[in-house]
Each structure stands twice: as C-alpha cells, then as structure tokens.
Amino acid sequence: MNSIQSPETLKKQLLKNVEKLPEPYIQEILDFAKFIRAKRNRKKSLKRQSKLVPQKDPILKLMGIADIEPFSSRIDQELYGQ
C-alpha cells in the first residue's frame, strides 16, 4: 500500500484492525503507542534543552574567565612556561 492516505483514513484502518485482535495484542499496541509518544516528547525536550543559555549553564558562566587580569596576561607562562 504505497498510496498516501489521510490521517483520518489511517486511524480508521488502525481501529478496524485493532478491533479484530485478541486483548493481549491490543495491550501491546497501546504500550507501543505510549512508547512512541514518550520518545517523541523526549526528542522535543532535548531540542529545547540544547539551546545554550549562559545564564542557566554553570559551565558557560565560566567561559571567558581567563580573560580577567592578572591571569590573562600570564596564561602562556602558567600553561607553557613561556
């Protein structure tokens, strides 16, 4: 079945097929649907978290600390002995 079908048609077909299954299989389909939704929600959550916000990220707050005097003027000497 390669033709594109509307979501409503697909839902009707799914329900029609689910109604013909024994109860254990219906539970399995329900569990799978819940898994898919949870996976999708995790992906959305990770996308939102991936945006860097320096005010909320303690590591990002430290970036640039080596620019502060007197440390920045002596960093090569401290790191490389130069």
N, C-alpha and C. Protein backbone atom coordinates (compact mmCIF):
# COMPACT_ATOMS: atom_id res chain seq x y z
N MET A 1 0.85 -1.18 0.00
CA MET A 1 0.00 0.00 0.00
C MET A 1 0.89 1.24 0.00
N ASN A 2 1.22 1.76 -1.15
CA ASN A 2 2.13 2.89 -1.29
C ASN A 2 1.42 4.22 -1.45
N SER A 3 0.09 4.21 -1.61
CA SER A 3 -0.61 5.47 -1.81
C SER A 3 -0.66 6.26 -0.50
N ILE A 4 -0.65 7.57 -0.64
CA ILE A 4 -0.70 8.45 0.53
C ILE A 4 -2.15 8.51 1.00
N GLN A 5 -2.34 8.29 2.30
CA GLN A 5 -3.68 8.31 2.87
C GLN A 5 -3.77 9.37 3.94
N SER A 6 -4.95 9.88 4.12
CA SER A 6 -5.16 10.91 5.14
C SER A 6 -5.03 10.30 6.53
N PRO A 7 -4.68 11.12 7.52
CA PRO A 7 -4.59 10.61 8.89
C PRO A 7 -5.91 9.99 9.36
N GLU A 8 -7.04 10.56 8.94
CA GLU A 8 -8.34 10.01 9.34
C GLU A 8 -8.52 8.60 8.79
N THR A 9 -8.15 8.39 7.54
CA THR A 9 -8.26 7.07 6.91
C THR A 9 -7.35 6.08 7.62
N LEU A 10 -6.15 6.51 7.93
CA LEU A 10 -5.21 5.62 8.61
C LEU A 10 -5.73 5.25 10.00
N LYS A 11 -6.30 6.20 10.71
CA LYS A 11 -6.84 5.93 12.04
C LYS A 11 -7.99 4.93 11.96
N LYS A 12 -8.86 5.10 10.98
CA LYS A 12 -9.98 4.18 10.80
C LYS A 12 -9.47 2.77 10.52
N GLN A 13 -8.48 2.66 9.65
CA GLN A 13 -7.90 1.35 9.34
C GLN A 13 -7.26 0.73 10.57
N LEU A 14 -6.56 1.54 11.34
CA LEU A 14 -5.92 1.05 12.56
C LEU A 14 -6.97 0.51 13.53
N LEU A 15 -8.00 1.30 13.78
CA LEU A 15 -9.05 0.88 14.70
C LEU A 15 -9.75 -0.39 14.22
N LYS A 16 -10.01 -0.46 12.94
CA LYS A 16 -10.67 -1.63 12.35
C LYS A 16 -9.83 -2.89 12.59
N ASN A 17 -8.53 -2.76 12.41
CA ASN A 17 -7.63 -3.90 12.60
C ASN A 17 -7.44 -4.23 14.08
N VAL A 18 -7.37 -3.22 14.92
CA VAL A 18 -7.20 -3.44 16.35
C VAL A 18 -8.41 -4.16 16.93
N GLU A 19 -9.60 -3.80 16.46
CA GLU A 19 -10.83 -4.42 16.96
C GLU A 19 -10.85 -5.92 16.71
N LYS A 20 -10.12 -6.39 15.74
CA LYS A 20 -10.10 -7.81 15.39
C LYS A 20 -9.06 -8.61 16.18
N LEU A 21 -8.25 -7.92 16.97
CA LEU A 21 -7.17 -8.59 17.70
C LEU A 21 -7.60 -9.05 19.08
N PRO A 22 -6.97 -10.13 19.58
CA PRO A 22 -7.21 -10.53 20.97
C PRO A 22 -6.62 -9.49 21.93
N GLU A 23 -7.13 -9.43 23.16
CA GLU A 23 -6.77 -8.42 24.15
C GLU A 23 -5.27 -8.27 24.38
N PRO A 24 -4.49 -9.35 24.50
CA PRO A 24 -3.04 -9.14 24.75
C PRO A 24 -2.35 -8.32 23.65
N TYR A 25 -2.79 -8.49 22.42
CA TYR A 25 -2.19 -7.74 21.32
C TYR A 25 -2.62 -6.28 21.36
N ILE A 26 -3.85 -6.04 21.80
CA ILE A 26 -4.33 -4.66 21.93
C ILE A 26 -3.49 -3.93 22.98
N GLN A 27 -3.19 -4.60 24.08
CA GLN A 27 -2.35 -4.01 25.12
C GLN A 27 -0.96 -3.72 24.58
N GLU A 28 -0.45 -4.62 23.76
CA GLU A 28 0.88 -4.43 23.17
C GLU A 28 0.89 -3.21 22.25
N ILE A 29 -0.16 -3.05 21.47
CA ILE A 29 -0.26 -1.89 20.58
C ILE A 29 -0.36 -0.60 21.39
N LEU A 30 -1.13 -0.63 22.46
CA LEU A 30 -1.25 0.53 23.34
C LEU A 30 0.11 0.89 23.95
N ASP A 31 0.82 -0.13 24.43
CA ASP A 31 2.16 0.11 25.00
C ASP A 31 3.09 0.72 23.96
N PHE A 32 3.02 0.23 22.73
CA PHE A 32 3.87 0.75 21.67
C PHE A 32 3.52 2.21 21.35
N ALA A 33 2.22 2.52 21.31
CA ALA A 33 1.80 3.89 21.05
C ALA A 33 2.31 4.83 22.14
N LYS A 34 2.25 4.37 23.40
CA LYS A 34 2.77 5.18 24.51
C LYS A 34 4.27 5.37 24.38
N PHE A 35 4.98 4.32 23.97
CA PHE A 35 6.42 4.41 23.77
C PHE A 35 6.77 5.44 22.70
N ILE A 36 6.04 5.41 21.60
CA ILE A 36 6.29 6.36 20.50
C ILE A 36 6.07 7.79 20.98
N ARG A 37 5.00 8.02 21.73
CA ARG A 37 4.73 9.37 22.23
C ARG A 37 5.81 9.83 23.20
N ALA A 38 6.24 8.93 24.09
CA ALA A 38 7.29 9.29 25.06
C ALA A 38 8.60 9.61 24.33
N LYS A 39 8.92 8.82 23.33
CA LYS A 39 10.15 9.04 22.55
C LYS A 39 10.09 10.40 21.85
N ARG A 40 8.94 10.71 21.29
CA ARG A 40 8.76 12.00 20.60
C ARG A 40 8.89 13.16 21.59
N ASN A 41 8.29 13.00 22.76
CA ASN A 41 8.37 14.05 23.78
C ASN A 41 9.81 14.25 24.26
N ARG A 42 10.56 13.15 24.39
CA ARG A 42 11.98 13.26 24.79
C ARG A 42 12.77 14.05 23.76
N LYS A 43 12.52 13.75 22.48
CA LYS A 43 13.23 14.47 21.42
C LYS A 43 12.92 15.96 21.47
N LYS A 44 11.65 16.30 21.67
CA LYS A 44 11.27 17.71 21.76
C LYS A 44 11.94 18.36 22.96
N SER A 45 11.98 17.65 24.06
CA SER A 45 12.59 18.18 25.28
C SER A 45 14.08 18.42 25.08
N LEU A 46 14.75 17.47 24.42
CA LEU A 46 16.19 17.62 24.16
C LEU A 46 16.46 18.79 23.24
N LYS A 47 15.59 19.00 22.26
CA LYS A 47 15.77 20.16 21.37
C LYS A 47 15.69 21.46 22.14
N ARG A 48 14.71 21.54 23.07
CA ARG A 48 14.58 22.76 23.86
C ARG A 48 15.79 22.95 24.77
N GLN A 49 16.31 21.85 25.33
CA GLN A 49 17.45 21.94 26.24
C GLN A 49 18.74 22.25 25.52
N SER A 50 18.81 21.93 24.23
CA SER A 50 20.06 22.11 23.50
C SER A 50 20.38 23.57 23.22
N LYS A 51 19.42 24.44 23.39
CA LYS A 51 19.69 25.86 23.20
C LYS A 51 20.53 26.36 24.38
N LEU A 52 21.70 26.90 24.08
CA LEU A 52 22.61 27.33 25.12
C LEU A 52 22.18 28.67 25.71
N VAL A 53 22.04 28.67 27.02
CA VAL A 53 21.67 29.88 27.75
C VAL A 53 22.72 30.07 28.84
N PRO A 54 23.70 30.96 28.60
CA PRO A 54 24.80 31.13 29.55
C PRO A 54 24.35 31.42 30.98
N GLN A 55 23.27 32.13 31.16
CA GLN A 55 22.81 32.47 32.50
C GLN A 55 22.34 31.23 33.27
N LYS A 56 21.95 30.18 32.55
CA LYS A 56 21.44 28.98 33.21
C LYS A 56 22.44 27.83 33.23
N ASP A 57 23.54 27.96 32.53
CA ASP A 57 24.52 26.88 32.42
C ASP A 57 25.79 27.26 33.18
N PRO A 58 26.11 26.55 34.27
CA PRO A 58 27.27 26.92 35.08
C PRO A 58 28.60 26.85 34.32
N ILE A 59 28.72 25.94 33.37
CA ILE A 59 29.95 25.84 32.58
C ILE A 59 30.08 27.06 31.67
N LEU A 60 28.99 27.46 31.05
CA LEU A 60 29.05 28.62 30.16
C LEU A 60 29.34 29.90 30.94
N LYS A 61 28.94 29.95 32.20
CA LYS A 61 29.23 31.12 33.03
C LYS A 61 30.73 31.29 33.22
N LEU A 62 31.48 30.17 33.24
CA LEU A 62 32.92 30.22 33.47
C LEU A 62 33.72 30.58 32.22
N MET A 63 33.08 30.46 31.05
CA MET A 63 33.81 30.76 29.82
C MET A 63 34.25 32.22 29.84
N GLY A 64 35.46 32.44 29.46
CA GLY A 64 35.98 33.79 29.42
C GLY A 64 36.64 34.22 30.71
N ILE A 65 36.65 33.33 31.70
CA ILE A 65 37.25 33.70 32.99
C ILE A 65 38.75 33.95 32.86
N ALA A 66 39.37 33.32 31.85
CA ALA A 66 40.81 33.52 31.65
C ALA A 66 41.13 34.90 31.10
N ASP A 67 40.11 35.64 30.74
CA ASP A 67 40.33 37.00 30.23
C ASP A 67 40.53 38.01 31.35
N ILE A 68 40.30 37.60 32.56
CA ILE A 68 40.39 38.51 33.70
C ILE A 68 41.85 38.71 34.10
N GLU A 69 42.26 39.94 34.32
CA GLU A 69 43.62 40.25 34.76
C GLU A 69 43.76 39.87 36.23
N PRO A 70 44.89 39.46 36.71
CA PRO A 70 46.17 39.34 36.02
C PRO A 70 46.35 38.00 35.34
N PHE A 71 45.40 37.12 35.48
CA PHE A 71 45.55 35.77 34.93
C PHE A 71 45.78 35.78 33.43
N SER A 72 45.02 36.60 32.69
CA SER A 72 45.10 36.56 31.23
C SER A 72 46.48 36.99 30.72
N SER A 73 47.14 37.89 31.39
CA SER A 73 48.45 38.33 30.91
C SER A 73 49.54 37.30 31.18
N ARG A 74 49.29 36.36 32.10
CA ARG A 74 50.31 35.37 32.44
C ARG A 74 49.91 33.95 32.03
N ILE A 75 48.88 33.80 31.24
CA ILE A 75 48.38 32.46 30.94
C ILE A 75 49.39 31.61 30.18
N ASP A 76 50.08 32.18 29.19
CA ASP A 76 51.08 31.39 28.45
C ASP A 76 52.19 30.94 29.38
N GLN A 77 52.62 31.82 30.25
CA GLN A 77 53.66 31.45 31.20
C GLN A 77 53.19 30.35 32.13
N GLU A 78 51.96 30.46 32.62
CA GLU A 78 51.40 29.46 33.54
C GLU A 78 51.22 28.11 32.85
N LEU A 79 50.76 28.15 31.63
CA LEU A 79 50.45 26.89 30.92
C LEU A 79 51.68 26.27 30.27
N TYR A 80 52.52 27.10 29.65
CA TYR A 80 53.60 26.57 28.82
C TYR A 80 54.99 26.93 29.33
N GLY A 81 55.08 27.65 30.41
CA GLY A 81 56.38 28.05 30.93
C GLY A 81 57.08 29.06 30.03
N GLN A 82 56.37 29.82 29.27
CA GLN A 82 56.98 30.80 28.35
C GLN A 82 56.96 32.18 28.94
